[in-house]
Amino acid sequence: MRSRWSSGSFLRLASGRPPLFYRCVREAVGFIRSMPLVLQIFFVFYAGPQFRIRPSPWASGMIAIGLHYAAYLSEVYRGVLVSIIFLALSLPTAAGLRRLESWLRVGLGLMR
């Protein structure tokens, strides 16, 4: 569970500001989310040797499942950031906290 939280939050935070990087991450997340999980597992297992990566069947399944759920969790975090964070972060700013401190104490606490 912790690794999926970390990878999903990384994908969400990586889809931040630089426009080219943002677009690449958004397209990758959209592509992973639109592909069925079974197809992803087959792709990792059978296309891996072409890139000189030879995972075992169990490892290829775990890699595909991890990427699949990381993409879904990045969308969940995006929804949280769009709907709740704006209102929740205006309160600590009004109380006098700096922006980074507001994100660390309030924003990351809401994403748990």
PDB file of N, CA and C in Angstrom:
ATOM      1  N   MET A   1       0.826  -1.193   0.000  1.00  0.00           N
ATOM      2  CA  MET A   1       0.000   0.000   0.000  1.00  0.00           C
ATOM      3  C   MET A   1       0.865   1.249   0.000  1.00  0.00           C
ATOM      4  N   ARG A   2       1.933   1.240   0.770  1.00  0.00           N
ATOM      5  CA  ARG A   2       2.789   2.412   0.869  1.00  0.00           C
ATOM      6  C   ARG A   2       3.467   2.711  -0.465  1.00  0.00           C
ATOM      7  N   SER A   3       3.891   1.673  -1.209  1.00  0.00           N
ATOM      8  CA  SER A   3       4.555   1.905  -2.487  1.00  0.00           C
ATOM      9  C   SER A   3       3.581   2.470  -3.515  1.00  0.00           C
ATOM     10  N   ARG A   4       2.332   2.030  -3.482  1.00  0.00           N
ATOM     11  CA  ARG A   4       1.357   2.591  -4.409  1.00  0.00           C
ATOM     12  C   ARG A   4       1.081   4.041  -4.065  1.00  0.00           C
ATOM     13  N   TRP A   5       1.028   4.382  -2.762  1.00  0.00           N
ATOM     14  CA  TRP A   5       0.823   5.770  -2.365  1.00  0.00           C
ATOM     15  C   TRP A   5       1.978   6.612  -2.845  1.00  0.00           C
ATOM     16  N   SER A   6       3.186   6.123  -2.719  1.00  0.00           N
ATOM     17  CA  SER A   6       4.360   6.884  -3.123  1.00  0.00           C
ATOM     18  C   SER A   6       4.399   7.086  -4.626  1.00  0.00           C
ATOM     19  N   SER A   7       4.154   6.041  -5.401  1.00  0.00           N
ATOM     20  CA  SER A   7       4.218   6.180  -6.849  1.00  0.00           C
ATOM     21  C   SER A   7       3.063   7.012  -7.383  1.00  0.00           C
ATOM     22  N   GLY A   8       1.884   6.859  -6.795  1.00  0.00           N
ATOM     23  CA  GLY A   8       0.755   7.683  -7.233  1.00  0.00           C
ATOM     24  C   GLY A   8       0.959   9.147  -6.912  1.00  0.00           C
ATOM     25  N   SER A   9       1.490   9.440  -5.717  1.00  0.00           N
ATOM     26  CA  SER A   9       1.744  10.835  -5.376  1.00  0.00           C
ATOM     27  C   SER A   9       2.882  11.396  -6.213  1.00  0.00           C
ATOM     28  N   PHE A  10       3.877  10.564  -6.563  1.00  0.00           N
ATOM     29  CA  PHE A  10       4.952  11.043  -7.431  1.00  0.00           C
ATOM     30  C   PHE A  10       4.409  11.412  -8.800  1.00  0.00           C
ATOM     31  N   LEU A  11       3.537  10.562  -9.362  1.00  0.00           N
ATOM     32  CA  LEU A  11       2.965  10.876 -10.666  1.00  0.00           C
ATOM     33  C   LEU A  11       2.118  12.134 -10.608  1.00  0.00           C
ATOM     34  N   ARG A  12       1.410  12.310  -9.498  1.00  0.00           N
ATOM     35  CA  ARG A  12       0.594  13.521  -9.366  1.00  0.00           C
ATOM     36  C   ARG A  12       1.474  14.752  -9.248  1.00  0.00           C
ATOM     37  N   LEU A  13       2.514  14.687  -8.437  1.00  0.00           N
ATOM     38  CA  LEU A  13       3.386  15.834  -8.276  1.00  0.00           C
ATOM     39  C   LEU A  13       4.235  16.071  -9.515  1.00  0.00           C
ATOM     40  N   ALA A  14       4.552  15.009 -10.249  1.00  0.00           N
ATOM     41  CA  ALA A  14       5.343  15.162 -11.467  1.00  0.00           C
ATOM     42  C   ALA A  14       4.532  15.806 -12.572  1.00  0.00           C
ATOM     43  N   SER A  15       3.218  15.728 -12.485  1.00  0.00           N
ATOM     44  CA  SER A  15       2.395  16.361 -13.510  1.00  0.00           C
ATOM     45  C   SER A  15       2.120  17.804 -13.144  1.00  0.00           C
ATOM     46  N   GLY A  16       3.107  18.441 -12.586  1.00  0.00           N
ATOM     47  CA  GLY A  16       2.994  19.816 -12.111  1.00  0.00           C
ATOM     48  C   GLY A  16       3.197  20.854 -13.183  1.00  0.00           C
ATOM     49  N   ARG A  17       4.233  21.633 -13.089  1.00  0.00           N
ATOM     50  CA  ARG A  17       4.352  22.834 -13.863  1.00  0.00           C
ATOM     51  C   ARG A  17       5.048  22.785 -15.214  1.00  0.00           C
ATOM     52  N   PRO A  18       6.255  22.269 -15.403  1.00  0.00           N
ATOM     53  CA  PRO A  18       6.864  22.406 -16.737  1.00  0.00           C
ATOM     54  C   PRO A  18       5.960  21.805 -17.807  1.00  0.00           C
ATOM     55  N   PRO A  19       5.561  22.597 -18.799  1.00  0.00           N
ATOM     56  CA  PRO A  19       4.509  22.152 -19.729  1.00  0.00           C
ATOM     57  C   PRO A  19       4.833  20.867 -20.490  1.00  0.00           C
ATOM     58  N   LEU A  20       6.061  20.709 -20.956  1.00  0.00           N
ATOM     59  CA  LEU A  20       6.388  19.501 -21.716  1.00  0.00           C
ATOM     60  C   LEU A  20       6.356  18.267 -20.818  1.00  0.00           C
ATOM     61  N   PHE A  21       6.956  18.375 -19.647  1.00  0.00           N
ATOM     62  CA  PHE A  21       6.956  17.260 -18.698  1.00  0.00           C
ATOM     63  C   PHE A  21       5.526  16.960 -18.245  1.00  0.00           C
ATOM     64  N   TYR A  22       4.746  18.000 -17.995  1.00  0.00           N
ATOM     65  CA  TYR A  22       3.344  17.832 -17.599  1.00  0.00           C
ATOM     66  C   TYR A  22       2.571  17.060 -18.662  1.00  0.00           C
ATOM     67  N   ARG A  23       2.751  17.448 -19.913  1.00  0.00           N
ATOM     68  CA  ARG A  23       2.030  16.791 -20.989  1.00  0.00           C
ATOM     69  C   ARG A  23       2.446  15.327 -21.137  1.00  0.00           C
ATOM     70  N   CYS A  24       3.748  15.048 -20.998  1.00  0.00           N
ATOM     71  CA  CYS A  24       4.234  13.667 -21.110  1.00  0.00           C
ATOM     72  C   CYS A  24       3.667  12.788 -19.994  1.00  0.00           C
ATOM     73  N   VAL A  25       3.676  13.308 -18.772  1.00  0.00           N
ATOM     74  CA  VAL A  25       3.141  12.527 -17.646  1.00  0.00           C
ATOM     75  C   VAL A  25       1.641  12.329 -17.798  1.00  0.00           C
ATOM     76  N   ARG A  26       0.905  13.356 -18.215  1.00  0.00           N
ATOM     77  CA  ARG A  26      -0.547  13.228 -18.386  1.00  0.00           C
ATOM     78  C   ARG A  26      -0.876  12.193 -19.467  1.00  0.00           C
ATOM     79  N   GLU A  27      -0.114  12.201 -20.565  1.00  0.00           N
ATOM     80  CA  GLU A  27      -0.354  11.224 -21.627  1.00  0.00           C
ATOM     81  C   GLU A  27      -0.026   9.810 -21.162  1.00  0.00           C
ATOM     82  N   ALA A  28       1.059   9.655 -20.415  1.00  0.00           N
ATOM     83  CA  ALA A  28       1.430   8.329 -19.914  1.00  0.00           C
ATOM     84  C   ALA A  28       0.370   7.801 -18.951  1.00  0.00           C
ATOM     85  N   VAL A  29      -0.111   8.660 -18.055  1.00  0.00           N
ATOM     86  CA  VAL A  29      -1.147   8.238 -17.107  1.00  0.00           C
ATOM     87  C   VAL A  29      -2.435   7.883 -17.845  1.00  0.00           C
ATOM     88  N   GLY A  30      -2.801   8.686 -18.822  1.00  0.00           N
ATOM     89  CA  GLY A  30      -4.000   8.386 -19.611  1.00  0.00           C
ATOM     90  C   GLY A  30      -3.873   7.093 -20.391  1.00  0.00           C
ATOM     91  N   PHE A  31      -2.690   6.836 -20.939  1.00  0.00           N
ATOM     92  CA  PHE A  31      -2.464   5.601 -21.689  1.00  0.00           C
ATOM     93  C   PHE A  31      -2.535   4.386 -20.773  1.00  0.00           C
ATOM     94  N   ILE A  32      -1.916   4.469 -19.600  1.00  0.00           N
ATOM     95  CA  ILE A  32      -1.922   3.345 -18.663  1.00  0.00           C
ATOM     96  C   ILE A  32      -3.335   3.088 -18.152  1.00  0.00           C
ATOM     97  N   ARG A  33      -4.082   4.160 -17.880  1.00  0.00           N
ATOM     98  CA  ARG A  33      -5.437   3.979 -17.365  1.00  0.00           C
ATOM     99  C   ARG A  33      -6.389   3.418 -18.407  1.00  0.00           C
ATOM    100  N   SER A  34      -6.144   3.700 -19.691  1.00  0.00           N
ATOM    101  CA  SER A  34      -7.067   3.247 -20.725  1.00  0.00           C
ATOM    102  C   SER A  34      -6.786   1.813 -21.185  1.00  0.00           C
ATOM    103  N   MET A  35      -5.641   1.269 -20.806  1.00  0.00           N
ATOM    104  CA  MET A  35      -5.280  -0.089 -21.225  1.00  0.00           C
ATOM    105  C   MET A  35      -5.717  -1.091 -20.141  1.00  0.00           C
ATOM    106  N   PRO A  36      -6.322  -2.215 -20.526  1.00  0.00           N
ATOM    107  CA  PRO A  36      -6.713  -3.217 -19.527  1.00  0.00           C
ATOM    108  C   PRO A  36      -5.488  -3.786 -18.791  1.00  0.00           C
ATOM    109  N   LEU A  37      -5.688  -4.139 -17.540  1.00  0.00           N
ATOM    110  CA  LEU A  37      -4.600  -4.614 -16.689  1.00  0.00           C
ATOM    111  C   LEU A  37      -3.981  -5.900 -17.224  1.00  0.00           C
ATOM    112  N   VAL A  38      -4.790  -6.809 -17.741  1.00  0.00           N
ATOM    113  CA  VAL A  38      -4.266  -8.069 -18.271  1.00  0.00           C
ATOM    114  C   VAL A  38      -3.338  -7.796 -19.454  1.00  0.00           C
ATOM    115  N   LEU A  39      -3.718  -6.857 -20.291  1.00  0.00           N
ATOM    116  CA  LEU A  39      -2.880  -6.494 -21.428  1.00  0.00           C
ATOM    117  C   LEU A  39      -1.551  -5.881 -20.965  1.00  0.00           C
ATOM    118  N   GLN A  40      -1.584  -5.102 -19.902  1.00  0.00           N
ATOM    119  CA  GLN A  40      -0.355  -4.532 -19.357  1.00  0.00           C
ATOM    120  C   GLN A  40       0.569  -5.617 -18.812  1.00  0.00           C
ATOM    121  N   ILE A  41       0.003  -6.607 -18.138  1.00  0.00           N
ATOM    122  CA  ILE A  41       0.817  -7.700 -17.606  1.00  0.00           C
ATOM    123  C   ILE A  41       1.463  -8.481 -18.750  1.00  0.00           C
ATOM    124  N   PHE A  42       0.697  -8.790 -19.788  1.00  0.00           N
ATOM    125  CA  PHE A  42       1.265  -9.480 -20.944  1.00  0.00           C
ATOM    126  C   PHE A  42       2.342  -8.643 -21.615  1.00  0.00           C
ATOM    127  N   PHE A  43       2.106  -7.340 -21.725  1.00  0.00           N
ATOM    128  CA  PHE A  43       3.087  -6.461 -22.360  1.00  0.00           C
ATOM    129  C   PHE A  43       4.399  -6.441 -21.581  1.00  0.00           C
ATOM    130  N   VAL A  44       4.326  -6.318 -20.264  1.00  0.00           N
ATOM    131  CA  VAL A  44       5.556  -6.298 -19.459  1.00  0.00           C
ATOM    132  C   VAL A  44       6.280  -7.634 -19.560  1.00  0.00           C
ATOM    133  N   PHE A  45       5.538  -8.724 -19.558  1.00  0.00           N
ATOM    134  CA  PHE A  45       6.170 -10.047 -19.577  1.00  0.00           C
ATOM    135  C   PHE A  45       6.772 -10.375 -20.937  1.00  0.00           C
ATOM    136  N   TYR A  46       6.046 -10.084 -22.025  1.00  0.00           N
ATOM    137  CA  TYR A  46       6.519 -10.487 -23.344  1.00  0.00           C
ATOM    138  C   TYR A  46       7.357  -9.420 -24.043  1.00  0.00           C
ATOM    139  N   ALA A  47       7.153  -8.152 -23.754  1.00  0.00           N
ATOM    140  CA  ALA A  47       7.956  -7.098 -24.389  1.00  0.00           C
ATOM    141  C   ALA A  47       9.210  -6.778 -23.591  1.00  0.00           C
ATOM    142  N   GLY A  48       9.279  -7.194 -22.350  1.00  0.00           N
ATOM    143  CA  GLY A  48      10.465  -6.946 -21.527  1.00  0.00           C
ATOM    144  C   GLY A  48      11.746  -7.506 -22.102  1.00  0.00           C
ATOM    145  N   PRO A  49      11.760  -8.759 -22.579  1.00  0.00           N
ATOM    146  CA  PRO A  49      12.998  -9.307 -23.157  1.00  0.00           C
ATOM    147  C   PRO A  49      13.512  -8.546 -24.376  1.00  0.00           C
ATOM    148  N   GLN A  50      12.655  -7.845 -25.088  1.00  0.00           N
ATOM    149  CA  GLN A  50      13.121  -7.048 -26.216  1.00  0.00           C
ATOM    150  C   GLN A  50      13.967  -5.863 -25.765  1.00  0.00           C
ATOM    151  N   PHE A  51      13.745  -5.419 -24.529  1.00  0.00           N
ATOM    152  CA  PHE A  51      14.530  -4.324 -23.947  1.00  0.00           C
ATOM    153  C   PHE A  51      15.592  -4.845 -22.982  1.00  0.00           C
ATOM    154  N   ARG A  52      15.902  -6.146 -23.093  1.00  0.00           N
ATOM    155  CA  ARG A  52      16.889  -6.832 -22.250  1.00  0.00           C
ATOM    156  C   ARG A  52      16.513  -6.798 -20.765  1.00  0.00           C
ATOM    157  N   ILE A  53      15.229  -6.825 -20.506  1.00  0.00           N
ATOM    158  CA  ILE A  53      14.712  -6.948 -19.148  1.00  0.00           C
ATOM    159  C   ILE A  53      13.954  -8.260 -19.105  1.00  0.00           C
ATOM    160  N   ARG A  54      14.379  -9.171 -18.256  1.00  0.00           N
ATOM    161  CA  ARG A  54      13.748 -10.488 -18.186  1.00  0.00           C
ATOM    162  C   ARG A  54      13.151 -10.719 -16.801  1.00  0.00           C
ATOM    163  N   PRO A  55      11.984 -10.110 -16.533  1.00  0.00           N
ATOM    164  CA  PRO A  55      11.376 -10.340 -15.227  1.00  0.00           C
ATOM    165  C   PRO A  55      10.707 -11.712 -15.167  1.00  0.00           C
ATOM    166  N   SER A  56      10.609 -12.238 -13.974  1.00  0.00           N
ATOM    167  CA  SER A  56       9.864 -13.482 -13.793  1.00  0.00           C
ATOM    168  C   SER A  56       8.375 -13.179 -13.981  1.00  0.00           C
ATOM    169  N   PRO A  57       7.549 -14.195 -14.153  1.00  0.00           N
ATOM    170  CA  PRO A  57       6.112 -13.930 -14.300  1.00  0.00           C
ATOM    171  C   PRO A  57       5.528 -13.180 -13.107  1.00  0.00           C
ATOM    172  N   TRP A  58       5.976 -13.527 -11.909  1.00  0.00           N
ATOM    173  CA  TRP A  58       5.476 -12.842 -10.722  1.00  0.00           C
ATOM    174  C   TRP A  58       5.919 -11.384 -10.706  1.00  0.00           C
ATOM    175  N   ALA A  59       7.179 -11.129 -11.026  1.00  0.00           N
ATOM    176  CA  ALA A  59       7.697  -9.755 -11.018  1.00  0.00           C
ATOM    177  C   ALA A  59       7.040  -8.911 -12.107  1.00  0.00           C
ATOM    178  N   SER A  60       6.810  -9.480 -13.271  1.00  0.00           N
ATOM    179  CA  SER A  60       6.150  -8.709 -14.329  1.00  0.00           C
ATOM    180  C   SER A  60       4.714  -8.363 -13.933  1.00  0.00           C
ATOM    181  N   GLY A  61       4.044  -9.278 -13.253  1.00  0.00           N
ATOM    182  CA  GLY A  61       2.706  -8.973 -12.754  1.00  0.00           C
ATOM    183  C   GLY A  61       2.706  -7.870 -11.722  1.00  0.00           C
ATOM    184  N   MET A  62       3.673  -7.913 -10.818  1.00  0.00           N
ATOM    185  CA  MET A  62       3.754  -6.869  -9.789  1.00  0.00           C
ATOM    186  C   MET A  62       4.112  -5.507 -10.387  1.00  0.00           C
ATOM    187  N   ILE A  63       4.983  -5.491 -11.375  1.00  0.00           N
ATOM    188  CA  ILE A  63       5.336  -4.227 -12.032  1.00  0.00           C
ATOM    189  C   ILE A  63       4.118  -3.633 -12.727  1.00  0.00           C
ATOM    190  N   ALA A  64       3.389  -4.470 -13.460  1.00  0.00           N
ATOM    191  CA  ALA A  64       2.211  -3.982 -14.181  1.00  0.00           C
ATOM    192  C   ALA A  64       1.122  -3.522 -13.220  1.00  0.00           C
ATOM    193  N   ILE A  65       0.876  -4.279 -12.172  1.00  0.00           N
ATOM    194  CA  ILE A  65      -0.147  -3.890 -11.197  1.00  0.00           C
ATOM    195  C   ILE A  65       0.257  -2.601 -10.484  1.00  0.00           C
ATOM    196  N   GLY A  66       1.539  -2.481 -10.140  1.00  0.00           N
ATOM    197  CA  GLY A  66       2.010  -1.258  -9.485  1.00  0.00           C
ATOM    198  C   GLY A  66       1.845  -0.028 -10.362  1.00  0.00           C
ATOM    199  N   LEU A  67       2.198  -0.136 -11.643  1.00  0.00           N
ATOM    200  CA  LEU A  67       2.032   0.999 -12.560  1.00  0.00           C
ATOM    201  C   LEU A  67       0.559   1.332 -12.781  1.00  0.00           C
ATOM    202  N   HIS A  68      -0.253   0.290 -12.886  1.00  0.00           N
ATOM    203  CA  HIS A  68      -1.685   0.487 -13.110  1.00  0.00           C
ATOM    204  C   HIS A  68      -2.329   1.245 -11.944  1.00  0.00           C
ATOM    205  N   TYR A  69      -2.073   0.789 -10.727  1.00  0.00           N
ATOM    206  CA  TYR A  69      -2.683   1.444  -9.574  1.00  0.00           C
ATOM    207  C   TYR A  69      -2.041   2.786  -9.266  1.00  0.00           C
ATOM    208  N   ALA A  70      -0.779   2.983  -9.624  1.00  0.00           N
ATOM    209  CA  ALA A  70      -0.153   4.298  -9.469  1.00  0.00           C
ATOM    210  C   ALA A  70      -0.835   5.317 -10.377  1.00  0.00           C
ATOM    211  N   ALA A  71      -1.190   4.908 -11.589  1.00  0.00           N
ATOM    212  CA  ALA A  71      -1.883   5.820 -12.500  1.00  0.00           C
ATOM    213  C   ALA A  71      -3.265   6.174 -11.957  1.00  0.00           C
ATOM    214  N   TYR A  72      -3.974   5.192 -11.423  1.00  0.00           N
ATOM    215  CA  TYR A  72      -5.291   5.486 -10.856  1.00  0.00           C
ATOM    216  C   TYR A  72      -5.183   6.372  -9.615  1.00  0.00           C
ATOM    217  N   LEU A  73      -4.207   6.125  -8.767  1.00  0.00           N
ATOM    218  CA  LEU A  73      -4.072   6.954  -7.574  1.00  0.00           C
ATOM    219  C   LEU A  73      -3.641   8.373  -7.915  1.00  0.00           C
ATOM    220  N   SER A  74      -2.887   8.558  -8.987  1.00  0.00           N
ATOM    221  CA  SER A  74      -2.545   9.920  -9.376  1.00  0.00           C
ATOM    222  C   SER A  74      -3.795  10.702  -9.773  1.00  0.00           C
ATOM    223  N   GLU A  75      -4.766  10.031 -10.371  1.00  0.00           N
ATOM    224  CA  GLU A  75      -6.024  10.704 -10.689  1.00  0.00           C
ATOM    225  C   GLU A  75      -6.835  11.006  -9.437  1.00  0.00           C
ATOM    226  N   VAL A  76      -6.770  10.131  -8.454  1.00  0.00           N
ATOM    227  CA  VAL A  76      -7.448  10.402  -7.188  1.00  0.00           C
ATOM    228  C   VAL A  76      -6.833  11.625  -6.521  1.00  0.00           C
ATOM    229  N   TYR A  77      -5.500  11.694  -6.507  1.00  0.00           N
ATOM    230  CA  TYR A  77      -4.826  12.856  -5.908  1.00  0.00           C
ATOM    231  C   TYR A  77      -5.120  14.126  -6.691  1.00  0.00           C
ATOM    232  N   ARG A  78      -5.247  14.018  -8.007  1.00  0.00           N
ATOM    233  CA  ARG A  78      -5.599  15.183  -8.803  1.00  0.00           C
ATOM    234  C   ARG A  78      -6.982  15.696  -8.422  1.00  0.00           C
ATOM    235  N   GLY A  79      -7.910  14.781  -8.223  1.00  0.00           N
ATOM    236  CA  GLY A  79      -9.245  15.178  -7.799  1.00  0.00           C
ATOM    237  C   GLY A  79      -9.252  15.845  -6.439  1.00  0.00           C
ATOM    238  N   VAL A  80      -8.433  15.335  -5.533  1.00  0.00           N
ATOM    239  CA  VAL A  80      -8.320  15.953  -4.204  1.00  0.00           C
ATOM    240  C   VAL A  80      -7.757  17.354  -4.322  1.00  0.00           C
ATOM    241  N   LEU A  81      -6.706  17.488  -5.116  1.00  0.00           N
ATOM    242  CA  LEU A  81      -6.087  18.801  -5.253  1.00  0.00           C
ATOM    243  C   LEU A  81      -7.019  19.800  -5.914  1.00  0.00           C
ATOM    244  N   VAL A  82      -7.798  19.362  -6.867  1.00  0.00           N
ATOM    245  CA  VAL A  82      -8.695  20.278  -7.566  1.00  0.00           C
ATOM    246  C   VAL A  82      -9.848  20.708  -6.670  1.00  0.00           C
ATOM    247  N   SER A  83     -10.419  19.790  -5.924  1.00  0.00           N
ATOM    248  CA  SER A  83     -11.645  20.109  -5.200  1.00  0.00           C
ATOM    249  C   SER A  83     -11.427  20.636  -3.781  1.00  0.00           C
ATOM    250  N   ILE A  84     -10.544  20.026  -3.029  1.00  0.00           N
ATOM    251  CA  ILE A  84     -10.468  20.338  -1.606  1.00  0.00           C
ATOM    252  C   ILE A  84      -9.318  21.264  -1.252  1.00  0.00           C
ATOM    253  N   ILE A  85      -8.190  21.070  -1.852  1.00  0.00           N
ATOM    254  CA  ILE A  85      -6.972  21.736  -1.413  1.00  0.00           C
ATOM    255  C   ILE A  85      -7.071  23.248  -1.501  1.00  0.00           C
ATOM    256  N   PHE A  86      -7.691  23.777  -2.533  1.00  0.00           N
ATOM    257  CA  PHE A  86      -7.755  25.230  -2.671  1.00  0.00           C
ATOM    258  C   PHE A  86      -8.431  25.871  -1.467  1.00  0.00           C
ATOM    259  N   LEU A  87      -9.556  25.322  -1.064  1.00  0.00           N
ATOM    260  CA  LEU A  87     -10.253  25.880   0.097  1.00  0.00           C
ATOM    261  C   LEU A  87      -9.520  25.608   1.397  1.00  0.00           C
ATOM    262  N   ALA A  88      -8.940  24.415   1.503  1.00  0.00           N
ATOM    263  CA  ALA A  88      -8.259  24.058   2.742  1.00  0.00           C
ATOM    264  C   ALA A  88      -6.970  24.848   2.932  1.00  0.00           C
ATOM    265  N   LEU A  89      -6.310  25.233   1.855  1.00  0.00           N
ATOM    266  CA  LEU A  89      -5.055  25.968   1.979  1.00  0.00           C
ATOM    267  C   LEU A  89      -5.260  27.457   2.159  1.00  0.00           C
ATOM    268  N   SER A  90      -6.453  27.952   1.926  1.00  0.00           N
ATOM    269  CA  SER A  90      -6.688  29.372   2.163  1.00  0.00           C
ATOM    270  C   SER A  90      -6.782  29.676   3.661  1.00  0.00           C
ATOM    271  N   LEU A  91      -7.196  28.711   4.451  1.00  0.00           N
ATOM    272  CA  LEU A  91      -7.299  28.929   5.894  1.00  0.00           C
ATOM    273  C   LEU A  91      -5.943  29.082   6.584  1.00  0.00           C
ATOM    274  N   PRO A  92      -4.956  28.197   6.349  1.00  0.00           N
ATOM    275  CA  PRO A  92      -3.651  28.413   6.981  1.00  0.00           C
ATOM    276  C   PRO A  92      -2.959  29.686   6.495  1.00  0.00           C
ATOM    277  N   THR A  93      -3.195  30.073   5.260  1.00  0.00           N
ATOM    278  CA  THR A  93      -2.623  31.316   4.763  1.00  0.00           C
ATOM    279  C   THR A  93      -3.218  32.500   5.509  1.00  0.00           C
ATOM    280  N   ALA A  94      -4.507  32.444   5.771  1.00  0.00           N
ATOM    281  CA  ALA A  94      -5.148  33.515   6.539  1.00  0.00           C
ATOM    282  C   ALA A  94      -4.660  33.536   7.975  1.00  0.00           C
ATOM    283  N   ALA A  95      -4.252  32.375   8.487  1.00  0.00           N
ATOM    284  CA  ALA A  95      -3.744  32.298   9.858  1.00  0.00           C
ATOM    285  C   ALA A  95      -2.280  32.713   9.957  1.00  0.00           C
ATOM    286  N   GLY A  96      -1.617  32.925   8.817  1.00  0.00           N
ATOM    287  CA  GLY A  96      -0.252  33.414   8.834  1.00  0.00           C
ATOM    288  C   GLY A  96       0.817  32.389   8.531  1.00  0.00           C
ATOM    289  N   LEU A  97       0.431  31.178   8.148  1.00  0.00           N
ATOM    290  CA  LEU A  97       1.438  30.182   7.784  1.00  0.00           C
ATOM    291  C   LEU A  97       1.950  30.449   6.377  1.00  0.00           C
ATOM    292  N   ARG A  98       3.212  30.107   6.157  1.00  0.00           N
ATOM    293  CA  ARG A  98       3.774  30.248   4.818  1.00  0.00           C
ATOM    294  C   ARG A  98       3.216  29.159   3.898  1.00  0.00           C
ATOM    295  N   ARG A  99       3.437  29.349   2.587  1.00  0.00           N
ATOM    296  CA  ARG A  99       2.850  28.439   1.612  1.00  0.00           C
ATOM    297  C   ARG A  99       3.383  27.011   1.752  1.00  0.00           C
ATOM    298  N   LEU A 100       4.700  26.856   1.910  1.00  0.00           N
ATOM    299  CA  LEU A 100       5.284  25.522   2.053  1.00  0.00           C
ATOM    300  C   LEU A 100       4.791  24.850   3.329  1.00  0.00           C
ATOM    301  N   GLU A 101       4.730  25.598   4.405  1.00  0.00           N
ATOM    302  CA  GLU A 101       4.251  25.041   5.674  1.00  0.00           C
ATOM    303  C   GLU A 101       2.780  24.633   5.575  1.00  0.00           C
ATOM    304  N   SER A 102       1.999  25.406   4.836  1.00  0.00           N
ATOM    305  CA  SER A 102       0.591  25.051   4.631  1.00  0.00           C
ATOM    306  C   SER A 102       0.464  23.745   3.851  1.00  0.00           C
ATOM    307  N   TRP A 103       1.284  23.580   2.804  1.00  0.00           N
ATOM    308  CA  TRP A 103       1.251  22.352   2.023  1.00  0.00           C
ATOM    309  C   TRP A 103       1.675  21.150   2.848  1.00  0.00           C
ATOM    310  N   LEU A 104       2.728  21.324   3.643  1.00  0.00           N
ATOM    311  CA  LEU A 104       3.228  20.189   4.423  1.00  0.00           C
ATOM    312  C   LEU A 104       2.261  19.774   5.516  1.00  0.00           C
ATOM    313  N   ARG A 105       1.673  20.731   6.192  1.00  0.00           N
ATOM    314  CA  ARG A 105       0.797  20.385   7.319  1.00  0.00           C
ATOM    315  C   ARG A 105      -0.631  20.059   6.913  1.00  0.00           C
ATOM    316  N   VAL A 106      -1.163  20.778   5.931  1.00  0.00           N
ATOM    317  CA  VAL A 106      -2.557  20.600   5.564  1.00  0.00           C
ATOM    318  C   VAL A 106      -2.710  19.777   4.280  1.00  0.00           C
ATOM    319  N   GLY A 107      -2.005  20.154   3.228  1.00  0.00           N
ATOM    320  CA  GLY A 107      -2.178  19.502   1.935  1.00  0.00           C
ATOM    321  C   GLY A 107      -1.814  18.033   1.946  1.00  0.00           C
ATOM    322  N   LEU A 108      -0.646  17.701   2.475  1.00  0.00           N
ATOM    323  CA  LEU A 108      -0.258  16.291   2.523  1.00  0.00           C
ATOM    324  C   LEU A 108      -1.090  15.512   3.523  1.00  0.00           C
ATOM    325  N   GLY A 109      -1.567  16.168   4.563  1.00  0.00           N
ATOM    326  CA  GLY A 109      -2.442  15.495   5.518  1.00  0.00           C
ATOM    327  C   GLY A 109      -3.775  15.097   4.916  1.00  0.00           C
ATOM    328  N   LEU A 110      -4.264  15.893   3.961  1.00  0.00           N
ATOM    329  CA  LEU A 110      -5.536  15.561   3.312  1.00  0.00           C
ATOM    330  C   LEU A 110      -5.388  14.439   2.301  1.00  0.00           C
ATOM    331  N   MET A 111      -4.177  14.243   1.787  1.00  0.00           N
ATOM    332  CA  MET A 111      -3.980  13.202   0.780  1.00  0.00           C
ATOM    333  C   MET A 111      -3.710  11.828   1.398  1.00  0.00           C
ATOM    334  N   ARG A 112      -3.658  11.698   2.695  1.00  0.00           N
ATOM    335  CA  ARG A 112      -3.425  10.396   3.320  1.00  0.00           C
ATOM    336  C   ARG A 112      -4.614   9.511   3.247  1.00  0.00           C
TER     337      ARG A 112
END
